[in-house]
Amino acid sequence: MVQAKTWVLTKHFDGFPKDSNFELKVEELPEPKDGEVLLQAVFFSVDPYMRVIQSNNPAFPVGSHVVARCGWKTHTVCDGTDLTPIMPDWPEDVSLSLALGTIGMPGLTALYGIEEVLGLQKGETLLVNAAAGAVGSVVGQIAKLKGCKVVGSAGSDAKVAFLKELGFDEAFNYKTVSSLEEALKKASPEGYDCFFENVGGPFSTVALQQMKNFGRIAVCGSISVYNDTAPQTGPYPHLTMIFKQLKMEGFMQSRWEHKHPESLRRLMGWLKEVSDGKRFIMMFDLVLNVGVCLW
């Protein structure tokens, strides 16, 4: 009999979550039945990554690693449904935690947003907000690999320095600039061909004014409104979108699930090509800050 520690949501939060919204519980798990596996969590994120430690399911032998959506638990018994095996030839010198970051959902989101939604081309200029996050940091690095100019915004000077380390051409702290409009113009006076949108709110209103004609916008997130107690309202630049003939599309990486195996290998290939060990890698502590898992 295995004891599992589980973080559960005891009360839906109003605004930002507090410790009191969660409770740590301990439960006894039954022995796995035929076709079931016992998982032990190795790394936690909003998409928990786990290792099989006991199995009655031949598809998941003991010791194999999988990505699972089982909540924040140290151990889980399940029938194997919705378990995603890690790449069978995962390199020994690459941390398995990257299956939650660069070589996982955030990396896939970055790749599909760039290629499937934006169709980013060599020589174009890309704007990325929340650029130091799990998705934004990979977006900027893929864009540089494709020969593009990349401008990123972040919320602290330390994050701006991080973006510079990753190879961003221009980066600024949106919290300290006197004018977001002027900061965007200074970073790219000629405007932006593409915009990878992670923030929403007032930033988007200003950024759309800086788009070139026929610009493309990939809407991945809207973190500025996630914890609002009431929907944000305000001006939206409809006329800008009309006169500049902009294209805006929301997306989730699951749309291209059939491409995941090939795409993960491409991401791993880019990672392995890096010689200095600093670029194209997302530190796990940043991945943990992606959001709050609700189940």
C-alpha atoms as a PDB file:
ATOM      1  CA  MET A   1       0.000   0.000   0.000  1.00  0.00           C
ATOM      2  CA  VAL A   2       1.397   3.365  -1.066  1.00  0.00           C
ATOM      3  CA  GLN A   3       0.647   6.684   0.636  1.00  0.00           C
ATOM      4  CA  ALA A   4       0.161   9.632  -1.732  1.00  0.00           C
ATOM      5  CA  LYS A   5       0.445  13.285  -0.779  1.00  0.00           C
ATOM      6  CA  THR A   6      -1.999  15.399  -2.763  1.00  0.00           C
ATOM      7  CA  TRP A   7      -2.507  19.151  -3.051  1.00  0.00           C
ATOM      8  CA  VAL A   8      -6.230  19.818  -3.515  1.00  0.00           C
ATOM      9  CA  LEU A   9      -8.146  22.997  -4.271  1.00  0.00           C
ATOM     10  CA  THR A  10     -10.491  23.496  -1.300  1.00  0.00           C
ATOM     11  CA  LYS A  11     -11.950  26.822  -2.345  1.00  0.00           C
ATOM     12  CA  HIS A  12     -11.978  28.624  -5.688  1.00  0.00           C
ATOM     13  CA  PHE A  13     -10.027  31.822  -5.299  1.00  0.00           C
ATOM     14  CA  ASP A  14     -11.233  35.341  -5.969  1.00  0.00           C
ATOM     15  CA  GLY A  15      -8.432  37.272  -7.654  1.00  0.00           C
ATOM     16  CA  PHE A  16      -4.970  35.855  -6.906  1.00  0.00           C
ATOM     17  CA  PRO A  17      -4.726  32.476  -5.126  1.00  0.00           C
ATOM     18  CA  LYS A  18      -3.697  32.231  -1.466  1.00  0.00           C
ATOM     19  CA  ASP A  19      -2.274  29.386   0.592  1.00  0.00           C
ATOM     20  CA  SER A  20      -5.660  29.020   2.267  1.00  0.00           C
ATOM     21  CA  ASN A  21      -7.215  27.984  -1.077  1.00  0.00           C
ATOM     22  CA  PHE A  22      -5.228  24.727  -0.999  1.00  0.00           C
ATOM     23  CA  GLU A  23      -4.814  21.799   1.372  1.00  0.00           C
ATOM     24  CA  LEU A  24      -2.249  19.001   1.497  1.00  0.00           C
ATOM     25  CA  LYS A  25      -3.901  15.606   2.053  1.00  0.00           C
ATOM     26  CA  VAL A  26      -2.552  12.094   2.449  1.00  0.00           C
ATOM     27  CA  GLU A  27      -4.392   9.106   0.980  1.00  0.00           C
ATOM     28  CA  GLU A  28      -3.803   5.363   0.765  1.00  0.00           C
ATOM     29  CA  LEU A  29      -3.683   4.071  -2.812  1.00  0.00           C
ATOM     30  CA  PRO A  30      -4.867   0.583  -3.783  1.00  0.00           C
ATOM     31  CA  GLU A  31      -2.626  -1.937  -5.536  1.00  0.00           C
ATOM     32  CA  PRO A  32      -2.762  -1.549  -9.333  1.00  0.00           C
ATOM     33  CA  LYS A  33      -5.245  -3.868 -11.038  1.00  0.00           C
ATOM     34  CA  ASP A  34      -4.707  -5.538 -14.399  1.00  0.00           C
ATOM     35  CA  GLY A  35      -4.069  -2.828 -16.974  1.00  0.00           C
ATOM     36  CA  GLU A  36      -3.250  -0.181 -14.342  1.00  0.00           C
ATOM     37  CA  VAL A  37       0.009   1.503 -13.419  1.00  0.00           C
ATOM     38  CA  LEU A  38       1.322   3.207 -10.290  1.00  0.00           C
ATOM     39  CA  LEU A  39       2.971   6.550 -11.046  1.00  0.00           C
ATOM     40  CA  GLN A  40       5.430   8.490  -8.913  1.00  0.00           C
ATOM     41  CA  ALA A  41       5.845  12.194  -9.640  1.00  0.00           C
ATOM     42  CA  VAL A  42       9.383  13.309 -10.501  1.00  0.00           C
ATOM     43  CA  PHE A  43       8.601  16.916 -11.470  1.00  0.00           C
ATOM     44  CA  PHE A  44       5.449  19.026 -10.990  1.00  0.00           C
ATOM     45  CA  SER A  45       4.014  21.714 -13.225  1.00  0.00           C
ATOM     46  CA  VAL A  46       0.607  22.427 -14.702  1.00  0.00           C
ATOM     47  CA  ASP A  47       1.245  19.295 -16.777  1.00  0.00           C
ATOM     48  CA  PRO A  48       2.755  16.867 -14.204  1.00  0.00           C
ATOM     49  CA  TYR A  49       5.599  14.650 -15.359  1.00  0.00           C
ATOM     50  CA  MET A  50       5.755  11.230 -13.754  1.00  0.00           C
ATOM     51  CA  ARG A  51       7.643   7.902 -13.631  1.00  0.00           C
ATOM     52  CA  VAL A  52       6.045   4.442 -13.643  1.00  0.00           C
ATOM     53  CA  ILE A  53       7.139   2.503 -10.518  1.00  0.00           C
ATOM     54  CA  GLN A  54       4.663  -0.396 -10.666  1.00  0.00           C
ATOM     55  CA  SER A  55       2.763  -1.649 -13.679  1.00  0.00           C
ATOM     56  CA  ASN A  56       0.226  -4.221 -14.791  1.00  0.00           C
ATOM     57  CA  ASN A  57      -0.018  -2.514 -18.182  1.00  0.00           C
ATOM     58  CA  PRO A  58       2.444  -3.770 -20.827  1.00  0.00           C
ATOM     59  CA  ALA A  59       2.305  -0.426 -22.637  1.00  0.00           C
ATOM     60  CA  PHE A  60       4.013   1.252 -19.673  1.00  0.00           C
ATOM     61  CA  PRO A  61       6.813  -0.905 -18.222  1.00  0.00           C
ATOM     62  CA  VAL A  62       8.258  -0.123 -14.804  1.00  0.00           C
ATOM     63  CA  GLY A  63      10.853   2.659 -15.004  1.00  0.00           C
ATOM     64  CA  SER A  64       9.374   4.319 -18.080  1.00  0.00           C
ATOM     65  CA  HIS A  65       8.678   8.055 -17.948  1.00  0.00           C
ATOM     66  CA  VAL A  66       5.402   9.679 -18.965  1.00  0.00           C
ATOM     67  CA  VAL A  67       3.627  13.017 -18.923  1.00  0.00           C
ATOM     68  CA  ALA A  68       0.348  12.733 -17.018  1.00  0.00           C
ATOM     69  CA  ARG A  69      -2.506  15.027 -16.024  1.00  0.00           C
ATOM     70  CA  CYS A  70      -3.155  13.608 -12.572  1.00  0.00           C
ATOM     71  CA  GLY A  71      -3.116  16.756 -10.427  1.00  0.00           C
ATOM     72  CA  TRP A  72      -0.465  17.680  -7.856  1.00  0.00           C
ATOM     73  CA  LYS A  73       0.159  14.226  -6.359  1.00  0.00           C
ATOM     74  CA  THR A  74       3.264  12.330  -5.349  1.00  0.00           C
ATOM     75  CA  HIS A  75       1.701   9.038  -6.509  1.00  0.00           C
ATOM     76  CA  THR A  76      -1.244   8.056  -8.712  1.00  0.00           C
ATOM     77  CA  VAL A  77      -2.859   4.810  -9.833  1.00  0.00           C
ATOM     78  CA  CYS A  78      -4.418   4.999 -13.299  1.00  0.00           C
ATOM     79  CA  ASP A  79      -5.393   2.808 -16.252  1.00  0.00           C
ATOM     80  CA  GLY A  80      -2.910   4.384 -18.661  1.00  0.00           C
ATOM     81  CA  THR A  81      -5.477   6.593 -20.412  1.00  0.00           C
ATOM     82  CA  ASP A  82      -4.007   9.951 -21.440  1.00  0.00           C
ATOM     83  CA  LEU A  83      -0.456   8.991 -20.423  1.00  0.00           C
ATOM     84  CA  THR A  84       2.088  10.325 -22.896  1.00  0.00           C
ATOM     85  CA  PRO A  85       5.426   8.495 -22.994  1.00  0.00           C
ATOM     86  CA  ILE A  86       8.613  10.561 -23.038  1.00  0.00           C
ATOM     87  CA  MET A  87      10.743  10.247 -26.187  1.00  0.00           C
ATOM     88  CA  PRO A  88      12.278   6.743 -26.041  1.00  0.00           C
ATOM     89  CA  ASP A  89      15.743   8.032 -26.961  1.00  0.00           C
ATOM     90  CA  TRP A  90      15.787  10.997 -24.546  1.00  0.00           C
ATOM     91  CA  PRO A  91      19.486  11.996 -24.191  1.00  0.00           C
ATOM     92  CA  GLU A  92      21.047  11.206 -20.817  1.00  0.00           C
ATOM     93  CA  ASP A  93      22.692  14.635 -20.650  1.00  0.00           C
ATOM     94  CA  VAL A  94      19.374  16.523 -21.014  1.00  0.00           C
ATOM     95  CA  SER A  95      17.328  17.083 -17.840  1.00  0.00           C
ATOM     96  CA  LEU A  96      13.991  15.291 -17.879  1.00  0.00           C
ATOM     97  CA  SER A  97      12.448  18.444 -16.382  1.00  0.00           C
ATOM     98  CA  LEU A  98      12.607  19.947 -19.895  1.00  0.00           C
ATOM     99  CA  ALA A  99       9.719  17.652 -20.821  1.00  0.00           C
ATOM    100  CA  LEU A 100       7.644  20.276 -18.988  1.00  0.00           C
ATOM    101  CA  GLY A 101       9.351  23.179 -20.720  1.00  0.00           C
ATOM    102  CA  THR A 102      11.353  23.509 -23.899  1.00  0.00           C
ATOM    103  CA  ILE A 103      10.811  19.895 -24.982  1.00  0.00           C
ATOM    104  CA  GLY A 104       7.183  19.841 -23.896  1.00  0.00           C
ATOM    105  CA  MET A 105       3.976  21.843 -23.967  1.00  0.00           C
ATOM    106  CA  PRO A 106       5.587  25.327 -23.752  1.00  0.00           C
ATOM    107  CA  GLY A 107       8.064  24.490 -26.520  1.00  0.00           C
ATOM    108  CA  LEU A 108       5.337  23.041 -28.732  1.00  0.00           C
ATOM    109  CA  THR A 109       3.192  26.133 -28.148  1.00  0.00           C
ATOM    110  CA  ALA A 110       6.075  28.354 -29.221  1.00  0.00           C
ATOM    111  CA  LEU A 111       6.834  26.287 -32.321  1.00  0.00           C
ATOM    112  CA  TYR A 112       3.243  26.026 -33.570  1.00  0.00           C
ATOM    113  CA  GLY A 113       2.543  29.691 -32.877  1.00  0.00           C
ATOM    114  CA  ILE A 114       5.528  30.683 -34.990  1.00  0.00           C
ATOM    115  CA  GLU A 115       5.126  28.221 -37.849  1.00  0.00           C
ATOM    116  CA  GLU A 116       1.448  27.289 -38.051  1.00  0.00           C
ATOM    117  CA  VAL A 117      -0.174  30.579 -36.994  1.00  0.00           C
ATOM    118  CA  LEU A 118       2.278  33.363 -37.831  1.00  0.00           C
ATOM    119  CA  GLY A 119       4.156  31.722 -40.685  1.00  0.00           C
ATOM    120  CA  LEU A 120       7.210  33.715 -39.584  1.00  0.00           C
ATOM    121  CA  GLN A 121       9.730  34.272 -42.382  1.00  0.00           C
ATOM    122  CA  LYS A 122      13.454  35.007 -42.398  1.00  0.00           C
ATOM    123  CA  GLY A 123      14.177  38.723 -42.101  1.00  0.00           C
ATOM    124  CA  GLU A 124      10.873  39.614 -40.418  1.00  0.00           C
ATOM    125  CA  THR A 125      10.548  41.418 -37.082  1.00  0.00           C
ATOM    126  CA  LEU A 126       8.733  39.679 -34.215  1.00  0.00           C
ATOM    127  CA  LEU A 127       7.401  41.211 -30.987  1.00  0.00           C
ATOM    128  CA  VAL A 128       6.975  38.911 -27.950  1.00  0.00           C
ATOM    129  CA  ASN A 129       5.471  40.006 -24.637  1.00  0.00           C
ATOM    130  CA  ALA A 130       5.917  38.020 -21.407  1.00  0.00           C
ATOM    131  CA  ALA A 131       9.092  37.111 -23.256  1.00  0.00           C
ATOM    132  CA  ALA A 132      10.965  35.684 -20.256  1.00  0.00           C
ATOM    133  CA  GLY A 133       8.257  33.115 -19.556  1.00  0.00           C
ATOM    134  CA  ALA A 134       8.188  29.425 -20.435  1.00  0.00           C
ATOM    135  CA  VAL A 135       6.663  30.019 -23.883  1.00  0.00           C
ATOM    136  CA  GLY A 136       7.950  33.503 -24.727  1.00  0.00           C
ATOM    137  CA  SER A 137      11.606  32.656 -24.132  1.00  0.00           C
ATOM    138  CA  VAL A 138      11.412  29.725 -26.552  1.00  0.00           C
ATOM    139  CA  VAL A 139       9.494  31.812 -29.097  1.00  0.00           C
ATOM    140  CA  GLY A 140      12.302  34.349 -29.234  1.00  0.00           C
ATOM    141  CA  GLN A 141      15.002  31.718 -29.622  1.00  0.00           C
ATOM    142  CA  ILE A 142      13.210  29.853 -32.420  1.00  0.00           C
ATOM    143  CA  ALA A 143      12.668  33.160 -34.214  1.00  0.00           C
ATOM    144  CA  LYS A 144      16.408  33.919 -33.976  1.00  0.00           C
ATOM    145  CA  LEU A 145      17.202  30.467 -35.375  1.00  0.00           C
ATOM    146  CA  LYS A 146      14.966  31.383 -38.317  1.00  0.00           C
ATOM    147  CA  GLY A 147      16.919  34.570 -38.981  1.00  0.00           C
ATOM    148  CA  CYS A 148      14.451  37.120 -37.607  1.00  0.00           C
ATOM    149  CA  LYS A 149      14.781  40.255 -35.510  1.00  0.00           C
ATOM    150  CA  VAL A 150      13.191  39.700 -32.096  1.00  0.00           C
ATOM    151  CA  VAL A 151      11.961  42.290 -29.603  1.00  0.00           C
ATOM    152  CA  GLY A 152      10.833  41.149 -26.154  1.00  0.00           C
ATOM    153  CA  SER A 153       9.204  42.802 -23.171  1.00  0.00           C
ATOM    154  CA  ALA A 154       9.395  41.565 -19.588  1.00  0.00           C
ATOM    155  CA  GLY A 155       8.538  42.770 -16.084  1.00  0.00           C
ATOM    156  CA  SER A 156      11.945  43.185 -14.430  1.00  0.00           C
ATOM    157  CA  ASP A 157      15.491  44.239 -15.271  1.00  0.00           C
ATOM    158  CA  ALA A 158      16.723  40.735 -14.392  1.00  0.00           C
ATOM    159  CA  LYS A 159      14.348  39.228 -16.932  1.00  0.00           C
ATOM    160  CA  VAL A 160      15.474  41.744 -19.554  1.00  0.00           C
ATOM    161  CA  ALA A 161      19.078  40.678 -18.929  1.00  0.00           C
ATOM    162  CA  PHE A 162      17.957  37.044 -19.309  1.00  0.00           C
ATOM    163  CA  LEU A 163      16.413  37.856 -22.708  1.00  0.00           C
ATOM    164  CA  LYS A 164      19.673  39.420 -23.827  1.00  0.00           C
ATOM    165  CA  GLU A 165      21.482  36.217 -22.825  1.00  0.00           C
ATOM    166  CA  LEU A 166      19.058  34.261 -24.983  1.00  0.00           C
ATOM    167  CA  GLY A 167      19.897  36.382 -28.018  1.00  0.00           C
ATOM    168  CA  PHE A 168      16.942  38.791 -28.240  1.00  0.00           C
ATOM    169  CA  ASP A 169      17.897  41.794 -30.383  1.00  0.00           C
ATOM    170  CA  GLU A 170      16.003  44.263 -28.198  1.00  0.00           C
ATOM    171  CA  ALA A 171      14.398  43.886 -24.775  1.00  0.00           C
ATOM    172  CA  PHE A 172      12.824  46.320 -22.311  1.00  0.00           C
ATOM    173  CA  ASN A 173      11.112  46.411 -18.929  1.00  0.00           C
ATOM    174  CA  TYR A 174       7.513  47.428 -19.621  1.00  0.00           C
ATOM    175  CA  LYS A 175       7.039  48.398 -15.953  1.00  0.00           C
ATOM    176  CA  THR A 176       9.747  51.079 -15.967  1.00  0.00           C
ATOM    177  CA  VAL A 177       9.543  52.623 -19.436  1.00  0.00           C
ATOM    178  CA  SER A 178       7.922  56.050 -19.456  1.00  0.00           C
ATOM    179  CA  SER A 179       5.916  55.220 -22.577  1.00  0.00           C
ATOM    180  CA  LEU A 180       5.170  51.750 -23.938  1.00  0.00           C
ATOM    181  CA  GLU A 181       4.477  53.273 -27.348  1.00  0.00           C
ATOM    182  CA  GLU A 182       7.876  54.976 -27.452  1.00  0.00           C
ATOM    183  CA  ALA A 183       9.642  51.836 -26.202  1.00  0.00           C
ATOM    184  CA  LEU A 184       8.109  49.796 -29.011  1.00  0.00           C
ATOM    185  CA  LYS A 185       8.998  52.437 -31.605  1.00  0.00           C
ATOM    186  CA  LYS A 186      12.571  52.678 -30.340  1.00  0.00           C
ATOM    187  CA  ALA A 187      13.038  48.909 -30.422  1.00  0.00           C
ATOM    188  CA  SER A 188      11.770  48.666 -34.007  1.00  0.00           C
ATOM    189  CA  PRO A 189      11.143  52.026 -35.722  1.00  0.00           C
ATOM    190  CA  GLU A 190       9.927  50.299 -38.888  1.00  0.00           C
ATOM    191  CA  GLY A 191       7.206  48.404 -36.976  1.00  0.00           C
ATOM    192  CA  TYR A 192       6.482  44.701 -36.518  1.00  0.00           C
ATOM    193  CA  ASP A 193       5.588  41.984 -39.001  1.00  0.00           C
ATOM    194  CA  CYS A 194       4.427  39.547 -36.325  1.00  0.00           C
ATOM    195  CA  PHE A 195       3.321  39.712 -32.705  1.00  0.00           C
ATOM    196  CA  PHE A 196       3.293  36.704 -30.350  1.00  0.00           C
ATOM    197  CA  GLU A 197       0.704  37.785 -27.783  1.00  0.00           C
ATOM    198  CA  ASN A 198       0.838  36.365 -24.250  1.00  0.00           C
ATOM    199  CA  VAL A 199      -0.473  39.268 -22.147  1.00  0.00           C
ATOM    200  CA  GLY A 200      -3.621  40.986 -23.437  1.00  0.00           C
ATOM    201  CA  GLY A 201      -5.012  44.141 -21.843  1.00  0.00           C
ATOM    202  CA  PRO A 202      -3.547  47.621 -22.502  1.00  0.00           C
ATOM    203  CA  PHE A 203      -0.287  46.209 -23.894  1.00  0.00           C
ATOM    204  CA  SER A 204      -2.157  44.729 -26.863  1.00  0.00           C
ATOM    205  CA  THR A 205      -3.954  47.976 -27.612  1.00  0.00           C
ATOM    206  CA  VAL A 206      -0.643  49.829 -27.874  1.00  0.00           C
ATOM    207  CA  ALA A 207       1.221  47.038 -29.676  1.00  0.00           C
ATOM    208  CA  LEU A 208      -1.323  46.702 -32.460  1.00  0.00           C
ATOM    209  CA  GLN A 209      -0.709  50.340 -33.365  1.00  0.00           C
ATOM    210  CA  GLN A 210       2.917  49.405 -34.122  1.00  0.00           C
ATOM    211  CA  MET A 211       2.125  46.577 -36.522  1.00  0.00           C
ATOM    212  CA  LYS A 212       3.057  46.818 -40.187  1.00  0.00           C
ATOM    213  CA  ASN A 213       0.404  46.484 -42.870  1.00  0.00           C
ATOM    214  CA  PHE A 214      -0.740  42.872 -43.242  1.00  0.00           C
ATOM    215  CA  GLY A 215       0.846  42.003 -39.884  1.00  0.00           C
ATOM    216  CA  ARG A 216       0.007  38.717 -38.146  1.00  0.00           C
ATOM    217  CA  ILE A 217      -0.795  38.213 -34.460  1.00  0.00           C
ATOM    218  CA  ALA A 218      -0.758  34.837 -32.674  1.00  0.00           C
ATOM    219  CA  VAL A 219      -2.832  35.022 -29.479  1.00  0.00           C
ATOM    220  CA  CYS A 220      -1.425  32.451 -27.066  1.00  0.00           C
ATOM    221  CA  GLY A 221      -2.424  33.906 -23.686  1.00  0.00           C
ATOM    222  CA  SER A 222      -3.858  36.843 -21.794  1.00  0.00           C
ATOM    223  CA  ILE A 223      -2.077  36.707 -18.458  1.00  0.00           C
ATOM    224  CA  SER A 224      -2.968  40.300 -17.549  1.00  0.00           C
ATOM    225  CA  VAL A 225      -6.626  39.301 -17.047  1.00  0.00           C
ATOM    226  CA  TYR A 226      -6.399  35.770 -15.608  1.00  0.00           C
ATOM    227  CA  ASN A 227      -6.935  36.870 -12.006  1.00  0.00           C
ATOM    228  CA  ASP A 228      -9.347  39.739 -12.612  1.00  0.00           C
ATOM    229  CA  THR A 229     -12.528  39.587 -10.574  1.00  0.00           C
ATOM    230  CA  ALA A 230     -14.429  41.335 -13.387  1.00  0.00           C
ATOM    231  CA  PRO A 231     -13.833  41.343 -17.164  1.00  0.00           C
ATOM    232  CA  GLN A 232     -11.633  44.158 -18.440  1.00  0.00           C
ATOM    233  CA  THR A 233     -13.256  46.719 -20.698  1.00  0.00           C
ATOM    234  CA  GLY A 234     -11.751  49.477 -22.743  1.00  0.00           C
ATOM    235  CA  PRO A 235     -10.897  50.648 -26.245  1.00  0.00           C
ATOM    236  CA  TYR A 236      -9.963  48.060 -28.852  1.00  0.00           C
ATOM    237  CA  PRO A 237      -8.204  49.192 -32.037  1.00  0.00           C
ATOM    238  CA  HIS A 238     -10.710  47.867 -34.561  1.00  0.00           C
ATOM    239  CA  LEU A 239      -9.902  50.602 -37.067  1.00  0.00           C
ATOM    240  CA  THR A 240      -6.203  49.793 -36.781  1.00  0.00           C
ATOM    241  CA  MET A 241      -6.904  46.171 -37.643  1.00  0.00           C
ATOM    242  CA  ILE A 242      -9.067  47.217 -40.582  1.00  0.00           C
ATOM    243  CA  PHE A 243      -6.806  49.855 -42.109  1.00  0.00           C
ATOM    244  CA  LYS A 244      -3.624  47.820 -41.578  1.00  0.00           C
ATOM    245  CA  GLN A 245      -5.438  44.627 -42.647  1.00  0.00           C
ATOM    246  CA  LEU A 246      -4.074  42.667 -39.696  1.00  0.00           C
ATOM    247  CA  LYS A 247      -4.664  38.974 -39.106  1.00  0.00           C
ATOM    248  CA  MET A 248      -5.228  37.781 -35.515  1.00  0.00           C
ATOM    249  CA  GLU A 249      -5.686  34.141 -34.516  1.00  0.00           C
ATOM    250  CA  GLY A 250      -6.014  32.430 -31.160  1.00  0.00           C
ATOM    251  CA  PHE A 251      -4.604  28.919 -30.769  1.00  0.00           C
ATOM    252  CA  MET A 252      -3.677  26.033 -28.475  1.00  0.00           C
ATOM    253  CA  GLN A 253      -0.906  23.551 -29.156  1.00  0.00           C
ATOM    254  CA  SER A 254      -3.307  20.597 -28.916  1.00  0.00           C
ATOM    255  CA  ARG A 255      -4.632  21.486 -32.386  1.00  0.00           C
ATOM    256  CA  TRP A 256      -1.480  19.943 -33.882  1.00  0.00           C
ATOM    257  CA  GLU A 257      -1.222  16.936 -31.581  1.00  0.00           C
ATOM    258  CA  HIS A 258      -0.622  14.698 -34.593  1.00  0.00           C
ATOM    259  CA  LYS A 259       2.659  16.564 -35.154  1.00  0.00           C
ATOM    260  CA  HIS A 260       3.921  16.313 -31.565  1.00  0.00           C
ATOM    261  CA  PRO A 261       6.435  13.447 -32.018  1.00  0.00           C
ATOM    262  CA  GLU A 262       8.153  15.107 -34.981  1.00  0.00           C
ATOM    263  CA  SER A 263       7.995  18.560 -33.374  1.00  0.00           C
ATOM    264  CA  LEU A 264       9.516  17.364 -30.083  1.00  0.00           C
ATOM    265  CA  ARG A 265      12.411  15.832 -32.015  1.00  0.00           C
ATOM    266  CA  ARG A 266      12.968  19.130 -33.807  1.00  0.00           C
ATOM    267  CA  LEU A 267      13.021  20.975 -30.486  1.00  0.00           C
ATOM    268  CA  MET A 268      15.463  18.440 -29.036  1.00  0.00           C
ATOM    269  CA  GLY A 269      17.627  18.787 -32.132  1.00  0.00           C
ATOM    270  CA  TRP A 270      17.825  22.567 -31.720  1.00  0.00           C
ATOM    271  CA  LEU A 271      18.639  22.124 -28.048  1.00  0.00           C
ATOM    272  CA  LYS A 272      21.473  19.694 -28.782  1.00  0.00           C
ATOM    273  CA  GLU A 273      22.944  22.000 -31.445  1.00  0.00           C
ATOM    274  CA  VAL A 274      23.548  24.750 -28.908  1.00  0.00           C
ATOM    275  CA  SER A 275      27.207  24.899 -27.947  1.00  0.00           C
ATOM    276  CA  ASP A 276      27.303  27.433 -25.103  1.00  0.00           C
ATOM    277  CA  GLY A 277      24.653  25.722 -22.978  1.00  0.00           C
ATOM    278  CA  LYS A 278      22.853  29.016 -22.279  1.00  0.00           C
ATOM    279  CA  ARG A 279      20.446  29.453 -25.176  1.00  0.00           C
ATOM    280  CA  PHE A 280      17.386  27.383 -26.021  1.00  0.00           C
ATOM    281  CA  ILE A 281      16.894  26.003 -22.541  1.00  0.00           C
ATOM    282  CA  MET A 282      14.168  26.928 -20.056  1.00  0.00           C
ATOM    283  CA  MET A 283      15.110  26.687 -16.391  1.00  0.00           C
ATOM    284  CA  PHE A 284      12.620  24.508 -14.497  1.00  0.00           C
ATOM    285  CA  ASP A 285      11.963  27.105 -11.790  1.00  0.00           C
ATOM    286  CA  LEU A 286      10.504  29.396 -14.462  1.00  0.00           C
ATOM    287  CA  VAL A 287       8.283  26.612 -15.776  1.00  0.00           C
ATOM    288  CA  LEU A 288       6.781  26.224 -12.307  1.00  0.00           C
ATOM    289  CA  ASN A 289       5.460  29.780 -12.525  1.00  0.00           C
ATOM    290  CA  VAL A 290       3.343  29.130 -15.628  1.00  0.00           C
ATOM    291  CA  GLY A 291       0.101  29.094 -13.665  1.00  0.00           C
ATOM    292  CA  VAL A 292      -2.140  27.336 -11.177  1.00  0.00           C
ATOM    293  CA  CYS A 293      -3.520  23.871 -11.893  1.00  0.00           C
ATOM    294  CA  LEU A 294      -7.259  23.576 -11.253  1.00  0.00           C
ATOM    295  CA  TRP A 295      -8.792  20.099 -11.131  1.00  0.00           C
END
